[in-house]
Structure formats: structure tokens, C-alpha cells
């Protein structure tokens, strides 16, 4: 890839030298045909150069993050679980085969409670570092919406057994300032930006006219989690455009959004 960059840069510099030697005759026009001018070619070459440079630098950055995450794997449970999720989705180990390998749903469902116990957000970040894609997006592709909801419920599963207590009767726990947007076992997401996943759409149907948000759109800051109509949802605060508008609270299905 670096060879391509040097070839493009060399081509551009060669053209600049020729232009100087020719007194920029090519740019003076000559009144003839409607071909592309020399200055336009220069802009095209520079545009391609910077586009290729961006791709190279991004790949290099992703590779560096992945290498760092792999080095941390022996002592980092988030990385270990992110790798285990990937193996359940990509049994061949070849990234380009991930959409053809098939999915080990049983392995993913078995991993869900472990991930919930260690920290969902940590595993998401580790997966993003390793594979440069959102974990929720990958799991939605692999499981579909219904089974992804099942995965999220397993993620929230609590270990059974007695919690102990006094023999003098039932315990009455005292809860100070309960957080309405916290679900037991779910990690804190307060303040993170909620964005719509690529290929998904989020609607606000309780307003007129109805709002429609396409993939990649920022919806607002997360407030937390909530069980709504038997489903786990992400709660976020949306600020409508307008000088005198007030913030609104909305819910989103976890398989339609991701957090940054």
C-alpha cells in the first residue's frame, strides 16, 4: 500500500516539474478541446493521494490497537471474551469468511451470562479494538433480532442461590435515591452517545410529524437501561432542534443502536 502512495506522489511531483519546464502551457488552454486541464489533474491526483493515505493510516492504527489488545489477552477477561465471541461467529479464523462460516448460537448463549458478569461495555470496547466493528452489529447479523434479545436477557442473568439474611422475618431493603434507568447487572452507560447502527432505522412515533433516524445518526446521551414491555431497552435524552425546545426521553431497542 505504501508503494501506491509513493507512486501517486511521484506522479504528482513529476507533473509539477514538467509544468515548470513548459511554462505552464498546459494550463493556459490554447482555446482548443474540452479535455481536463493540468490543474484539475493535479487536484484529482492529490485527492486520490490523501484518500489512500487515510486508508493506510487507519489500517495501521487498527492493526496497532488489535496488536495491543492481543498482548493484553492473557490478563484481560474483556479481550478473552471478545475473542471467544468472534470464534463463535468466525470458526475458520479468516476475517473474510465471517459471513459464510455459520454461527455457534449455543456458544454465544453460554458466553452471555459470563460477559454480563464481567462487564458488557468492556467486552464491546475490546471487540471494537480487535475487529474494528461494533459488537452489537455483529451479534445482530449472526443471531437476528429475536435471538439477540435472548442474548441480552441471558447477559442480564443473575446467579441463583440463597442471599442469606436474618431469621427474624423477611428483610426490607432500604434504597436511597433509586436510579430509574438502572437494571441490575447492566453496566453504567450514562452519558455515552447513542447512535443508530448501519442498516437500522429508529423512529419517534409519539410526535407529529414522526421522526426518522437513519444509520449513523446520533440520537443523544444515554440515561441508562429499562425493562419496557418485557424487553430491555436503552434510554436516552433527545434534544429536538429549535430555540425553545425541551429535551425528551426516548427508548431504543439495543439491537438498533450502539454506544460511543
Protein backbone atom coordinates (compact mmCIF):
# COMPACT_ATOMS: atom_id res chain seq x y z
CA UNK A 1 0.00 0.00 0.00
CA UNK A 2 2.86 2.40 0.76
CA UNK A 3 4.18 1.69 -2.77
CA UNK A 4 0.92 3.04 -4.20
CA UNK A 5 1.26 6.21 -2.13
CA UNK A 6 4.83 6.81 -3.32
CA UNK A 7 3.83 6.16 -6.96
CA UNK A 8 0.97 8.70 -6.75
CA UNK A 9 3.17 11.25 -5.01
CA UNK A 10 5.96 10.70 -7.58
CA UNK A 11 3.48 11.13 -10.44
CA UNK A 12 2.26 14.41 -8.94
CA UNK A 13 5.78 15.79 -8.40
CA UNK A 14 6.82 14.75 -11.92
CA UNK A 15 3.84 16.62 -13.37
CA UNK A 16 4.75 19.71 -11.36
CA UNK A 17 8.31 19.59 -12.72
CA UNK A 18 7.04 19.25 -16.29
CA UNK A 19 4.69 22.16 -15.82
CA UNK A 20 7.56 24.37 -14.64
CA UNK A 21 9.68 23.29 -17.62
CA UNK A 22 6.87 24.03 -20.05
CA UNK A 23 6.00 27.40 -18.54
CA UNK A 24 2.54 26.07 -17.53
CA UNK A 25 1.47 25.97 -21.18
CA UNK A 26 -0.95 23.20 -20.45
CA UNK A 27 -2.91 25.42 -18.07
CA UNK A 28 -3.08 28.34 -20.50
CA UNK A 29 -5.67 26.48 -22.52
CA UNK A 30 -4.87 27.31 -26.11
CA UNK A 31 -8.59 27.57 -26.75
CA UNK A 32 -8.76 24.02 -28.08
CA UNK A 33 -10.55 20.92 -26.91
CA UNK A 34 -12.53 20.39 -23.77
CA UNK A 35 -10.11 18.00 -22.08
CA UNK A 36 -9.25 18.03 -18.39
CA UNK A 37 -6.81 20.80 -17.53
CA UNK A 38 -3.49 20.20 -15.85
CA UNK A 39 -4.60 21.89 -12.63
CA UNK A 40 -7.68 19.66 -12.49
CA UNK A 41 -5.50 16.58 -12.90
CA UNK A 42 -3.35 17.82 -10.04
CA UNK A 43 -6.41 18.10 -7.80
CA UNK A 44 -7.55 14.60 -8.76
CA UNK A 45 -4.12 13.12 -8.06
CA UNK A 46 -3.87 14.90 -4.72
CA UNK A 47 -7.39 13.75 -3.79
CA UNK A 48 -6.52 10.14 -4.55
CA UNK A 49 -3.23 10.50 -2.67
CA UNK A 50 -4.88 11.74 0.53
CA UNK A 51 -7.67 9.14 0.28
CA UNK A 52 -5.15 6.31 0.00
CA UNK A 53 -3.06 7.84 2.79
CA UNK A 54 -6.12 7.97 5.06
CA UNK A 55 -6.91 4.29 4.39
CA UNK A 56 -3.30 3.27 5.08
CA UNK A 57 -3.09 5.26 8.32
CA UNK A 58 -6.46 3.95 9.53
CA UNK A 59 -5.48 0.35 8.84
CA UNK A 60 -2.19 0.92 10.59
CA UNK A 61 -3.99 2.40 13.61
CA UNK A 62 -6.50 -0.50 13.72
CA UNK A 63 -3.66 -3.02 13.48
CA UNK A 64 -1.82 -1.30 16.33
CA UNK A 65 -4.91 -1.38 18.55
CA UNK A 66 -5.51 -5.03 17.71
CA UNK A 67 -1.91 -5.94 18.50
CA UNK A 68 -2.12 -4.15 21.85
CA UNK A 69 -5.37 -5.91 22.72
CA UNK A 70 -3.91 -9.32 21.84
CA UNK A 71 -0.91 -8.62 24.05
CA UNK A 72 -3.30 -7.86 26.92
CA UNK A 73 -5.37 -11.02 26.34
CA UNK A 74 -3.72 -13.28 28.98
CA UNK A 75 -4.64 -10.85 31.77
CA UNK A 76 -7.71 -9.12 30.31
CA UNK A 77 -11.05 -11.00 30.59
CA UNK A 78 -12.75 -8.48 28.28
CA UNK A 79 -10.35 -9.36 25.46
CA UNK A 80 -10.67 -13.08 26.17
CA UNK A 81 -14.46 -12.94 25.93
CA UNK A 82 -14.36 -10.75 22.82
CA UNK A 83 -12.12 -13.36 21.16
CA UNK A 84 -14.48 -16.15 22.28
CA UNK A 85 -17.44 -14.30 20.72
CA UNK A 86 -15.53 -13.88 17.46
CA UNK A 87 -14.65 -17.59 17.38
CA UNK A 88 -18.34 -18.46 17.74
CA UNK A 89 -19.08 -16.25 14.71
CA UNK A 90 -15.94 -16.91 12.65
CA UNK A 91 -14.91 -20.56 13.16
CA UNK A 92 -12.49 -20.57 10.22
CA UNK A 93 -10.46 -17.73 11.74
CA UNK A 94 -10.38 -15.92 8.37
CA UNK A 95 -11.97 -12.48 8.66
CA UNK A 96 -13.23 -12.52 5.07
CA UNK A 97 -15.14 -15.76 5.79
CA UNK A 98 -17.09 -14.47 8.77
CA UNK A 99 -20.32 -14.01 6.80
CA UNK A 100 -20.12 -17.60 5.48
CA UNK A 101 -18.84 -19.60 8.48
CA UNK A 102 -22.16 -20.05 10.23
CA UNK A 103 -22.85 -19.18 13.86
CA UNK A 104 -22.45 -21.26 17.01
CA UNK A 105 -25.54 -19.90 18.78
CA UNK A 106 -25.14 -22.24 21.76
CA UNK A 107 -21.63 -20.92 22.39
CA UNK A 108 -22.87 -17.31 22.25
CA UNK A 109 -25.74 -18.01 24.64
CA UNK A 110 -23.33 -19.75 27.02
CA UNK A 111 -21.00 -16.73 26.89
CA UNK A 112 -23.74 -14.18 27.56
CA UNK A 113 -24.01 -14.61 31.38
CA UNK A 114 -20.20 -14.60 31.69
CA UNK A 115 -19.99 -11.38 29.71
CA UNK A 116 -22.79 -9.83 31.79
CA UNK A 117 -20.91 -10.68 34.97
CA UNK A 118 -17.56 -9.27 33.83
CA UNK A 119 -18.92 -6.19 32.02
CA UNK A 120 -20.71 -5.81 28.69
CA UNK A 121 -19.29 -2.39 27.86
CA UNK A 122 -15.72 -3.64 28.44
CA UNK A 123 -16.23 -6.55 26.05
CA UNK A 124 -17.75 -4.20 23.46
CA UNK A 125 -14.69 -1.94 23.61
CA UNK A 126 -12.30 -4.88 23.40
CA UNK A 127 -14.17 -6.31 20.39
CA UNK A 128 -14.07 -2.93 18.62
CA UNK A 129 -10.31 -2.73 19.20
CA UNK A 130 -9.72 -6.25 17.93
CA UNK A 131 -12.02 -6.34 14.91
CA UNK A 132 -12.87 -2.70 14.07
CA UNK A 133 -16.65 -3.23 14.09
CA UNK A 134 -19.36 -2.78 16.75
CA UNK A 135 -20.09 -5.97 18.67
CA UNK A 136 -23.84 -5.32 18.75
CA UNK A 137 -23.86 -5.01 14.97
CA UNK A 138 -22.04 -8.34 14.57
CA UNK A 139 -24.30 -10.18 17.03
CA UNK A 140 -27.43 -8.81 15.34
CA UNK A 141 -26.18 -10.14 11.99
CA UNK A 142 -25.30 -13.52 13.47
CA UNK A 143 -28.35 -14.08 15.68
CA UNK A 144 -31.13 -11.99 14.21
CA UNK A 145 -33.28 -9.64 16.26
CA UNK A 146 -35.22 -12.25 18.27
CA UNK A 147 -32.18 -14.28 19.35
CA UNK A 148 -30.21 -11.10 20.06
CA UNK A 149 -32.94 -10.15 22.55
CA UNK A 150 -32.50 -13.60 24.10
CA UNK A 151 -28.74 -12.97 24.28
CA UNK A 152 -29.35 -9.66 26.08
CA UNK A 153 -31.66 -11.32 28.60
CA UNK A 154 -29.04 -14.01 29.29
CA UNK A 155 -26.49 -11.25 29.58
CA UNK A 156 -28.57 -9.89 32.44
CA UNK A 157 -28.99 -13.28 34.12
CA UNK A 158 -28.13 -13.39 37.82
CA UNK A 159 -26.61 -16.36 39.62
CA UNK A 160 -29.08 -18.30 41.75
CA UNK A 161 -28.85 -19.40 45.36
CA UNK A 162 -29.76 -18.00 48.74
CA UNK A 163 -28.71 -14.50 49.62
CA UNK A 164 -28.81 -15.21 53.34
CA UNK A 165 -30.36 -12.91 55.94
CA UNK A 166 -31.91 -12.71 59.37
CA UNK A 167 -34.14 -15.43 60.81
CA UNK A 168 -36.38 -12.79 62.34
CA UNK A 169 -38.51 -12.39 59.22
CA UNK A 170 -38.27 -11.04 55.67
CA UNK A 171 -35.71 -8.33 55.01
CA UNK A 172 -36.90 -4.93 53.84
CA UNK A 173 -34.09 -3.34 51.86
CA UNK A 174 -33.67 0.41 52.06
CA UNK A 175 -32.86 2.03 48.73
CA UNK A 176 -31.71 5.66 48.76
CA UNK A 177 -32.35 7.70 45.60
CA UNK A 178 -33.06 4.71 43.31
CA UNK A 179 -31.94 5.20 39.72
CA UNK A 180 -34.96 4.63 37.42
CA UNK A 181 -32.64 3.88 34.50
CA UNK A 182 -30.54 1.10 36.02
CA UNK A 183 -31.23 -2.60 35.52
CA UNK A 184 -29.43 -4.98 37.91
CA UNK A 185 -26.38 -6.49 36.27
CA UNK A 186 -26.24 -4.00 33.44
CA UNK A 187 -23.18 -1.73 33.15
CA UNK A 188 -23.50 2.02 33.53
CA UNK A 189 -23.88 3.76 30.16
CA UNK A 190 -24.91 7.18 31.45
CA UNK A 191 -23.55 9.99 29.30
CA UNK A 192 -22.45 7.83 26.37
CA UNK A 193 -23.64 8.89 22.92
CA UNK A 194 -26.34 6.69 21.42
CA UNK A 195 -26.01 6.22 17.65
CA UNK A 196 -28.10 4.25 15.15
CA UNK A 197 -26.43 1.15 13.72
CA UNK A 198 -25.72 0.99 9.99
CA UNK A 199 -28.63 -0.61 8.19
CA UNK A 200 -31.07 0.15 11.04
CA UNK A 201 -33.69 2.86 11.48
CA UNK A 202 -35.03 4.43 14.69
CA UNK A 203 -38.41 6.16 14.83
CA UNK A 204 -40.02 8.64 17.22
CA UNK A 205 -43.68 7.78 16.68
CA UNK A 206 -45.12 9.69 19.65
CA UNK A 207 -44.56 13.08 17.99
CA UNK A 208 -46.14 14.73 14.98
CA UNK A 209 -44.67 14.60 12.42
CA UNK A 210 -42.99 11.26 13.10
CA UNK A 211 -39.17 11.45 13.26
CA UNK A 212 -36.99 9.02 11.32
CA UNK A 213 -33.29 8.48 12.08
CA UNK A 214 -31.07 6.53 9.67
CA UNK A 215 -27.92 4.55 10.43
CA UNK A 216 -25.04 6.59 11.81
CA UNK A 217 -27.27 9.30 13.31
CA UNK A 218 -26.53 10.47 16.86
CA UNK A 219 -29.70 10.27 18.96
CA UNK A 220 -28.45 11.84 22.17
CA UNK A 221 -26.88 11.00 25.52
CA UNK A 222 -27.70 7.70 27.20
CA UNK A 223 -29.55 7.82 30.53
CA UNK A 224 -29.34 4.09 31.24
CA UNK A 225 -31.41 0.92 30.86
CA UNK A 226 -35.04 -0.01 31.45
CA UNK A 227 -37.28 -3.04 31.13
CA UNK A 228 -40.16 -1.83 28.96
CA UNK A 229 -43.00 -4.14 27.88
CA UNK A 230 -40.86 -7.11 28.90
CA UNK A 231 -37.88 -6.01 26.80
CA UNK A 232 -34.56 -4.48 27.70
CA UNK A 233 -34.24 -1.02 26.13
CA UNK A 234 -31.67 1.77 26.05
CA UNK A 235 -32.97 5.05 27.49
CA UNK A 236 -31.60 8.27 26.02
CA UNK A 237 -32.25 12.00 26.07
CA UNK A 238 -33.03 13.57 22.71
CA UNK A 239 -32.81 17.33 22.16
CA UNK A 240 -35.15 18.42 19.35
CA UNK A 241 -33.95 21.23 17.09
CA UNK A 242 -35.32 24.65 17.90
CA UNK A 243 -34.55 27.52 20.22
CA UNK A 244 -37.32 26.81 22.77
CA UNK A 245 -37.44 23.01 22.54
CA UNK A 246 -37.03 20.90 25.67
CA UNK A 247 -35.18 17.56 25.95
CA UNK A 248 -37.24 14.38 25.56
CA UNK A 249 -36.75 10.87 26.95
CA UNK A 250 -36.92 8.05 24.38
CA UNK A 251 -36.27 4.29 24.29
CA UNK A 252 -34.38 2.24 21.69
CA UNK A 253 -34.02 -1.49 21.16
CA UNK A 254 -30.38 -2.44 21.89
CA UNK A 255 -30.03 -4.19 18.54
CA UNK A 256 -30.70 -0.93 16.67
CA UNK A 257 -28.10 1.27 18.37
CA UNK A 258 -24.54 1.33 19.67
CA UNK A 259 -22.70 3.48 22.21
CA UNK A 260 -19.62 5.65 21.81
